[in-house]
C-alpha cells in the first residue's frame, strides 16, 4: 500500500462550532476506515480481521452500525491512521494531517461523487430508507435471517445497493471486495452502504457549502 504523507490538508472555511467540527471529524474517520477496508493489497492477517468485523454485526440498529465503523477504524495500524499536524481556524483555514494516501483519496472520491448530484443523492437515500421500512427490513437481524428473506426483499436490496454504489462512485474493484466482505448478502450490503452514505453525505453537504474540501491527493 502507499506510504503515509505528512502534508494532506483538509480545507476549512466559514464558521464552525465545536460539536459541528467533532461530528465532521467523526464522519471522516469512519469513512476513512471504510475506504481502508476495501484496499486490495492488505496483508493477509489484516484482511482476516476486517472480514471478521464485517461478518459479526447484525445491522439491526444504530449501536451495531457505530461499532462497525469504530472497529474498522481501530483495526487500521496506528501509524496509518490520520494524525493531526496542525489546525488553523481562519477564513480560509485547514486541518493538516498524516494519512495513508490510498485511503484518504478513496474517501475523498466518495464525497466528491455525492457532491456531483447532492440533491438527487439525498432523495435516493430517503426513498431507499422508506422502501426498506415497507419491505420490513428496518429491524431485521440480517446476519441471522438472510435465508428467510423473500425474493421481493432480496431484489429490492440488490437494486438499492447498485444505486448506492453508483452514487458513492465505488469502483468495480471496491464493489467486488464489498460483495466479498458481505459474503454476497444483498441485505447486509444495502444496510452497510446506507450507513456509508450517511457519513459521506454529511461531509459532502459541507463541501457543497464550501465549508470543507477533502483533497484527492497529497499536497
C-alpha atoms as a PDB file:
ATOM      1  CA  UNK A   1       0.000   0.000   0.000  1.00  0.00           C
ATOM      2  CA  UNK A   2       1.070   3.623  -0.500  1.00  0.00           C
ATOM      3  CA  UNK A   3       3.073   5.125   2.316  1.00  0.00           C
ATOM      4  CA  UNK A   4       1.903   7.949   4.540  1.00  0.00           C
ATOM      5  CA  UNK A   5       2.196  11.578   3.556  1.00  0.00           C
ATOM      6  CA  UNK A   6       2.548  14.287   6.230  1.00  0.00           C
ATOM      7  CA  UNK A   7       1.121  17.040   4.040  1.00  0.00           C
ATOM      8  CA  UNK A   8      -2.560  16.305   3.406  1.00  0.00           C
ATOM      9  CA  UNK A   9      -4.688  19.363   4.157  1.00  0.00           C
ATOM     10  CA  UNK A  10      -8.446  19.390   4.647  1.00  0.00           C
ATOM     11  CA  UNK A  11      -9.516  22.924   3.824  1.00  0.00           C
ATOM     12  CA  UNK A  12     -11.958  24.649   6.202  1.00  0.00           C
ATOM     13  CA  UNK A  13     -13.946  27.821   5.716  1.00  0.00           C
ATOM     14  CA  UNK A  14     -16.857  29.619   7.331  1.00  0.00           C
ATOM     15  CA  UNK A  15     -17.914  29.464  10.971  1.00  0.00           C
ATOM     16  CA  UNK A  16     -17.777  26.181  12.880  1.00  0.00           C
ATOM     17  CA  UNK A  17     -18.877  25.322  16.400  1.00  0.00           C
ATOM     18  CA  UNK A  18     -17.096  22.619  18.373  1.00  0.00           C
ATOM     19  CA  UNK A  19     -19.843  19.994  18.064  1.00  0.00           C
ATOM     20  CA  UNK A  20     -20.052  20.532  14.309  1.00  0.00           C
ATOM     21  CA  UNK A  21     -16.305  20.089  13.910  1.00  0.00           C
ATOM     22  CA  UNK A  22     -16.311  16.989  16.123  1.00  0.00           C
ATOM     23  CA  UNK A  23     -19.131  15.384  14.133  1.00  0.00           C
ATOM     24  CA  UNK A  24     -17.332  16.153  10.865  1.00  0.00           C
ATOM     25  CA  UNK A  25     -14.097  14.580  12.069  1.00  0.00           C
ATOM     26  CA  UNK A  26     -16.013  11.503  13.252  1.00  0.00           C
ATOM     27  CA  UNK A  27     -17.702  11.151   9.848  1.00  0.00           C
ATOM     28  CA  UNK A  28     -14.303  11.429   8.180  1.00  0.00           C
ATOM     29  CA  UNK A  29     -12.551   8.793  10.259  1.00  0.00           C
ATOM     30  CA  UNK A  30     -15.483   6.403   9.775  1.00  0.00           C
ATOM     31  CA  UNK A  31     -15.340   6.926   6.009  1.00  0.00           C
ATOM     32  CA  UNK A  32     -11.545   6.603   6.059  1.00  0.00           C
ATOM     33  CA  UNK A  33     -11.832   3.277   7.885  1.00  0.00           C
ATOM     34  CA  UNK A  34     -14.353   2.012   5.345  1.00  0.00           C
ATOM     35  CA  UNK A  35     -12.102   3.064   2.469  1.00  0.00           C
ATOM     36  CA  UNK A  36      -9.148   1.312   4.099  1.00  0.00           C
ATOM     37  CA  UNK A  37     -11.198  -1.884   4.476  1.00  0.00           C
ATOM     38  CA  UNK A  38     -11.652  -2.047   0.689  1.00  0.00           C
ATOM     39  CA  UNK A  39      -7.958  -1.657  -0.130  1.00  0.00           C
ATOM     40  CA  UNK A  40      -6.965  -4.504  -2.474  1.00  0.00           C
ATOM     41  CA  UNK A  41      -3.495  -5.208  -1.107  1.00  0.00           C
ATOM     42  CA  UNK A  42      -3.931  -5.553   2.649  1.00  0.00           C
ATOM     43  CA  UNK A  43      -1.731  -8.073   4.492  1.00  0.00           C
ATOM     44  CA  UNK A  44      -3.438 -11.441   4.998  1.00  0.00           C
ATOM     45  CA  UNK A  45      -3.758 -11.043   8.763  1.00  0.00           C
ATOM     46  CA  UNK A  46      -5.267  -7.565   8.484  1.00  0.00           C
ATOM     47  CA  UNK A  47      -7.671  -8.767   5.798  1.00  0.00           C
ATOM     48  CA  UNK A  48      -8.900 -11.621   8.013  1.00  0.00           C
ATOM     49  CA  UNK A  49      -9.564  -9.217  10.877  1.00  0.00           C
ATOM     50  CA  UNK A  50     -11.567  -6.935   8.575  1.00  0.00           C
ATOM     51  CA  UNK A  51     -13.581  -9.873   7.248  1.00  0.00           C
ATOM     52  CA  UNK A  52     -14.393 -10.834  10.832  1.00  0.00           C
ATOM     53  CA  UNK A  53     -15.612  -7.300  11.601  1.00  0.00           C
ATOM     54  CA  UNK A  54     -17.863  -7.310   8.527  1.00  0.00           C
ATOM     55  CA  UNK A  55     -19.338 -10.686   9.496  1.00  0.00           C
ATOM     56  CA  UNK A  56     -20.017 -10.094  13.197  1.00  0.00           C
ATOM     57  CA  UNK A  57     -22.582  -7.271  13.137  1.00  0.00           C
ATOM     58  CA  UNK A  58     -26.357  -7.847  12.702  1.00  0.00           C
ATOM     59  CA  UNK A  59     -27.057  -4.424  11.093  1.00  0.00           C
ATOM     60  CA  UNK A  60     -30.164  -4.087  13.203  1.00  0.00           C
ATOM     61  CA  UNK A  61     -29.723  -0.572  14.581  1.00  0.00           C
ATOM     62  CA  UNK A  62     -27.525   2.401  15.327  1.00  0.00           C
ATOM     63  CA  UNK A  63     -25.455   0.714  18.033  1.00  0.00           C
ATOM     64  CA  UNK A  64     -24.107  -2.013  15.764  1.00  0.00           C
ATOM     65  CA  UNK A  65     -23.533   0.477  12.941  1.00  0.00           C
ATOM     66  CA  UNK A  66     -21.406   2.841  15.029  1.00  0.00           C
ATOM     67  CA  UNK A  67     -19.439  -0.060  16.475  1.00  0.00           C
ATOM     68  CA  UNK A  68     -18.814  -1.467  12.995  1.00  0.00           C
ATOM     69  CA  UNK A  69     -17.179   1.767  11.826  1.00  0.00           C
ATOM     70  CA  UNK A  70     -15.293   2.252  15.086  1.00  0.00           C
ATOM     71  CA  UNK A  71     -13.852  -1.247  14.901  1.00  0.00           C
ATOM     72  CA  UNK A  72     -12.896  -0.849  11.245  1.00  0.00           C
ATOM     73  CA  UNK A  73     -11.037   2.344  12.084  1.00  0.00           C
ATOM     74  CA  UNK A  74      -9.253   0.899  15.106  1.00  0.00           C
ATOM     75  CA  UNK A  75      -8.230  -2.128  13.077  1.00  0.00           C
ATOM     76  CA  UNK A  76      -6.039   0.188  10.990  1.00  0.00           C
ATOM     77  CA  UNK A  77      -2.420   0.089  12.194  1.00  0.00           C
ATOM     78  CA  UNK A  78      -1.851   3.182  14.384  1.00  0.00           C
ATOM     79  CA  UNK A  79       0.818   4.573  12.075  1.00  0.00           C
ATOM     80  CA  UNK A  80      -1.669   4.560   9.181  1.00  0.00           C
ATOM     81  CA  UNK A  81      -4.482   6.393  10.972  1.00  0.00           C
ATOM     82  CA  UNK A  82      -4.873  10.140  10.374  1.00  0.00           C
ATOM     83  CA  UNK A  83      -2.911  12.231  12.856  1.00  0.00           C
ATOM     84  CA  UNK A  84      -3.236  15.969  13.278  1.00  0.00           C
ATOM     85  CA  UNK A  85      -0.164  18.005  12.399  1.00  0.00           C
ATOM     86  CA  UNK A  86      -1.757  21.446  12.558  1.00  0.00           C
ATOM     87  CA  UNK A  87      -5.188  23.063  12.817  1.00  0.00           C
ATOM     88  CA  UNK A  88      -5.637  26.634  11.625  1.00  0.00           C
ATOM     89  CA  UNK A  89      -9.049  28.192  12.184  1.00  0.00           C
ATOM     90  CA  UNK A  90      -9.363  31.112   9.812  1.00  0.00           C
ATOM     91  CA  UNK A  91     -11.187  32.054   6.640  1.00  0.00           C
ATOM     92  CA  UNK A  92      -9.857  30.037   4.967  1.00  0.00           C
ATOM     93  CA  UNK A  93      -8.281  27.598   7.412  1.00  0.00           C
ATOM     94  CA  UNK A  94      -7.273  23.957   7.365  1.00  0.00           C
ATOM     95  CA  UNK A  95      -6.557  20.763   9.248  1.00  0.00           C
ATOM     96  CA  UNK A  96      -3.228  19.265   8.227  1.00  0.00           C
ATOM     97  CA  UNK A  97      -2.994  15.532   8.833  1.00  0.00           C
ATOM     98  CA  UNK A  98      -0.914  12.491   8.052  1.00  0.00           C
ATOM     99  CA  UNK A  99      -2.847   9.849   6.120  1.00  0.00           C
ATOM    100  CA  UNK A 100      -2.459   6.721   4.124  1.00  0.00           C
ATOM    101  CA  UNK A 101      -2.716   8.234   0.651  1.00  0.00           C
ATOM    102  CA  UNK A 102      -4.843   5.499  -0.892  1.00  0.00           C
ATOM    103  CA  UNK A 103      -7.446   5.517   1.917  1.00  0.00           C
ATOM    104  CA  UNK A 104      -7.656   9.321   2.038  1.00  0.00           C
ATOM    105  CA  UNK A 105      -8.021   9.522  -1.737  1.00  0.00           C
ATOM    106  CA  UNK A 106     -10.741   6.857  -1.774  1.00  0.00           C
ATOM    107  CA  UNK A 107     -12.675   8.658   0.981  1.00  0.00           C
ATOM    108  CA  UNK A 108     -12.384  11.992  -0.842  1.00  0.00           C
ATOM    109  CA  UNK A 109     -13.552  10.404  -4.109  1.00  0.00           C
ATOM    110  CA  UNK A 110     -16.708   9.080  -2.420  1.00  0.00           C
ATOM    111  CA  UNK A 111     -17.518  12.539  -1.046  1.00  0.00           C
ATOM    112  CA  UNK A 112     -16.847  14.157  -4.416  1.00  0.00           C
ATOM    113  CA  UNK A 113     -19.142  11.671  -6.161  1.00  0.00           C
ATOM    114  CA  UNK A 114     -22.034  12.623  -3.856  1.00  0.00           C
ATOM    115  CA  UNK A 115     -21.307  16.311  -4.403  1.00  0.00           C
ATOM    116  CA  UNK A 116     -21.924  15.925  -8.150  1.00  0.00           C
ATOM    117  CA  UNK A 117     -25.618  15.162  -7.518  1.00  0.00           C
ATOM    118  CA  UNK A 118     -26.190  16.154  -3.905  1.00  0.00           C
ATOM    119  CA  UNK A 119     -29.945  16.713  -4.174  1.00  0.00           C
ATOM    120  CA  UNK A 120     -30.618  13.519  -6.112  1.00  0.00           C
ATOM    121  CA  UNK A 121     -28.327  11.593  -3.770  1.00  0.00           C
ATOM    122  CA  UNK A 122     -30.266  12.675  -0.683  1.00  0.00           C
ATOM    123  CA  UNK A 123     -33.565  11.833  -2.396  1.00  0.00           C
ATOM    124  CA  UNK A 124     -32.262   8.383  -3.307  1.00  0.00           C
ATOM    125  CA  UNK A 125     -31.281   7.789   0.316  1.00  0.00           C
ATOM    126  CA  UNK A 126     -34.728   8.855   1.585  1.00  0.00           C
ATOM    127  CA  UNK A 127     -36.500   6.692  -0.997  1.00  0.00           C
ATOM    128  CA  UNK A 128     -34.443   3.620  -0.112  1.00  0.00           C
ATOM    129  CA  UNK A 129     -34.999   4.149   3.601  1.00  0.00           C
ATOM    130  CA  UNK A 130     -38.738   4.465   3.047  1.00  0.00           C
ATOM    131  CA  UNK A 131     -38.864   1.354   0.870  1.00  0.00           C
ATOM    132  CA  UNK A 132     -36.720  -0.528   3.378  1.00  0.00           C
ATOM    133  CA  UNK A 133     -39.389   0.065   6.018  1.00  0.00           C
ATOM    134  CA  UNK A 134     -42.098  -1.002   3.582  1.00  0.00           C
ATOM    135  CA  UNK A 135     -40.162  -4.213   2.914  1.00  0.00           C
ATOM    136  CA  UNK A 136     -39.910  -4.743   6.691  1.00  0.00           C
ATOM    137  CA  UNK A 137     -36.115  -4.665   6.678  1.00  0.00           C
ATOM    138  CA  UNK A 138     -35.562  -1.871   9.184  1.00  0.00           C
ATOM    139  CA  UNK A 139     -35.276  -4.035  12.326  1.00  0.00           C
ATOM    140  CA  UNK A 140     -34.297  -7.403  10.927  1.00  0.00           C
ATOM    141  CA  UNK A 141     -31.145  -9.137  12.134  1.00  0.00           C
ATOM    142  CA  UNK A 142     -29.863  -9.562   8.608  1.00  0.00           C
ATOM    143  CA  UNK A 143     -26.888 -11.707   9.512  1.00  0.00           C
ATOM    144  CA  UNK A 144     -29.164 -14.334  11.075  1.00  0.00           C
ATOM    145  CA  UNK A 145     -32.200 -14.117   8.811  1.00  0.00           C
ATOM    146  CA  UNK A 146     -30.702 -13.858   5.323  1.00  0.00           C
ATOM    147  CA  UNK A 147     -32.170 -17.228   4.322  1.00  0.00           C
ATOM    148  CA  UNK A 148     -35.664 -16.128   5.366  1.00  0.00           C
ATOM    149  CA  UNK A 149     -35.787 -13.045   3.145  1.00  0.00           C
ATOM    150  CA  UNK A 150     -38.335 -13.124   0.353  1.00  0.00           C
ATOM    151  CA  UNK A 151     -37.418 -12.763  -3.319  1.00  0.00           C
ATOM    152  CA  UNK A 152     -39.030  -9.323  -3.301  1.00  0.00           C
ATOM    153  CA  UNK A 153     -36.860  -8.245  -0.361  1.00  0.00           C
ATOM    154  CA  UNK A 154     -33.691  -9.609  -1.953  1.00  0.00           C
ATOM    155  CA  UNK A 155     -34.463  -7.978  -5.321  1.00  0.00           C
ATOM    156  CA  UNK A 156     -35.089  -4.643  -3.604  1.00  0.00           C
ATOM    157  CA  UNK A 157     -31.824  -4.853  -1.663  1.00  0.00           C
ATOM    158  CA  UNK A 158     -29.864  -5.708  -4.795  1.00  0.00           C
ATOM    159  CA  UNK A 159     -31.363  -2.830  -6.785  1.00  0.00           C
ATOM    160  CA  UNK A 160     -30.879  -0.364  -3.922  1.00  0.00           C
ATOM    161  CA  UNK A 161     -27.270  -1.475  -3.467  1.00  0.00           C
ATOM    162  CA  UNK A 162     -26.494  -0.933  -7.145  1.00  0.00           C
ATOM    163  CA  UNK A 163     -27.902   2.595  -6.967  1.00  0.00           C
ATOM    164  CA  UNK A 164     -25.913   3.382  -3.818  1.00  0.00           C
ATOM    165  CA  UNK A 165     -22.708   2.008  -5.338  1.00  0.00           C
ATOM    166  CA  UNK A 166     -23.231   4.363  -8.270  1.00  0.00           C
ATOM    167  CA  UNK A 167     -23.966   7.452  -6.192  1.00  0.00           C
ATOM    168  CA  UNK A 168     -20.955   6.731  -3.959  1.00  0.00           C
ATOM    169  CA  UNK A 169     -18.783   6.310  -7.038  1.00  0.00           C
ATOM    170  CA  UNK A 170     -17.306   2.998  -5.887  1.00  0.00           C
ATOM    171  CA  UNK A 171     -15.032   1.325  -8.399  1.00  0.00           C
ATOM    172  CA  UNK A 172     -15.658  -2.157  -9.771  1.00  0.00           C
ATOM    173  CA  UNK A 173     -12.820  -3.458  -7.625  1.00  0.00           C
ATOM    174  CA  UNK A 174     -14.225  -1.831  -4.484  1.00  0.00           C
ATOM    175  CA  UNK A 175     -17.693  -3.171  -5.252  1.00  0.00           C
ATOM    176  CA  UNK A 176     -16.333  -6.675  -5.790  1.00  0.00           C
ATOM    177  CA  UNK A 177     -14.477  -6.530  -2.472  1.00  0.00           C
ATOM    178  CA  UNK A 178     -17.626  -5.285  -0.756  1.00  0.00           C
ATOM    179  CA  UNK A 179     -19.539  -8.274  -2.127  1.00  0.00           C
ATOM    180  CA  UNK A 180     -16.786 -10.493  -0.783  1.00  0.00           C
ATOM    181  CA  UNK A 181     -16.734  -8.789   2.621  1.00  0.00           C
ATOM    182  CA  UNK A 182     -20.532  -9.138   2.969  1.00  0.00           C
ATOM    183  CA  UNK A 183     -20.475 -12.755   1.750  1.00  0.00           C
ATOM    184  CA  UNK A 184     -22.959 -11.982  -1.034  1.00  0.00           C
ATOM    185  CA  UNK A 185     -25.666 -10.949   1.458  1.00  0.00           C
ATOM    186  CA  UNK A 186     -27.563  -8.275  -0.515  1.00  0.00           C
ATOM    187  CA  UNK A 187     -29.482  -7.007   2.502  1.00  0.00           C
ATOM    188  CA  UNK A 188     -26.351  -6.508   4.610  1.00  0.00           C
ATOM    189  CA  UNK A 189     -24.657  -4.782   1.690  1.00  0.00           C
ATOM    190  CA  UNK A 190     -27.566  -2.358   1.312  1.00  0.00           C
ATOM    191  CA  UNK A 191     -27.646  -1.544   5.036  1.00  0.00           C
ATOM    192  CA  UNK A 192     -23.906  -1.017   5.077  1.00  0.00           C
ATOM    193  CA  UNK A 193     -23.993   1.277   2.048  1.00  0.00           C
ATOM    194  CA  UNK A 194     -26.784   3.338   3.604  1.00  0.00           C
ATOM    195  CA  UNK A 195     -24.570   3.814   6.657  1.00  0.00           C
ATOM    196  CA  UNK A 196     -21.611   4.789   4.482  1.00  0.00           C
ATOM    197  CA  UNK A 197     -23.830   7.242   2.635  1.00  0.00           C
ATOM    198  CA  UNK A 198     -24.898   8.997   5.853  1.00  0.00           C
ATOM    199  CA  UNK A 199     -21.305   9.637   6.813  1.00  0.00           C
ATOM    200  CA  UNK A 200     -20.130  10.630   3.351  1.00  0.00           C
ATOM    201  CA  UNK A 201     -23.179  12.842   2.734  1.00  0.00           C
ATOM    202  CA  UNK A 202     -22.526  14.780   5.944  1.00  0.00           C
ATOM    203  CA  UNK A 203     -19.097  15.633   4.526  1.00  0.00           C
ATOM    204  CA  UNK A 204     -20.482  16.302   1.037  1.00  0.00           C
ATOM    205  CA  UNK A 205     -23.001  18.791   2.442  1.00  0.00           C
ATOM    206  CA  UNK A 206     -20.116  20.736   3.997  1.00  0.00           C
ATOM    207  CA  UNK A 207     -18.121  20.537   0.783  1.00  0.00           C
ATOM    208  CA  UNK A 208     -21.019  21.814  -1.346  1.00  0.00           C
ATOM    209  CA  UNK A 209     -21.456  24.665   1.156  1.00  0.00           C
ATOM    210  CA  UNK A 210     -17.722  25.446   0.699  1.00  0.00           C
ATOM    211  CA  UNK A 211     -17.056  24.878   4.394  1.00  0.00           C
ATOM    212  CA  UNK A 212     -14.859  21.851   3.734  1.00  0.00           C
ATOM    213  CA  UNK A 213     -12.729  20.445   0.934  1.00  0.00           C
ATOM    214  CA  UNK A 214     -11.219  16.961   1.036  1.00  0.00           C
ATOM    215  CA  UNK A 215      -8.186  16.637  -1.237  1.00  0.00           C
ATOM    216  CA  UNK A 216      -7.998  13.572  -3.502  1.00  0.00           C
ATOM    217  CA  UNK A 217      -4.216  13.500  -3.192  1.00  0.00           C
ATOM    218  CA  UNK A 218      -1.379  14.830  -1.038  1.00  0.00           C
ATOM    219  CA  UNK A 219      -0.437  18.490  -1.071  1.00  0.00           C
END
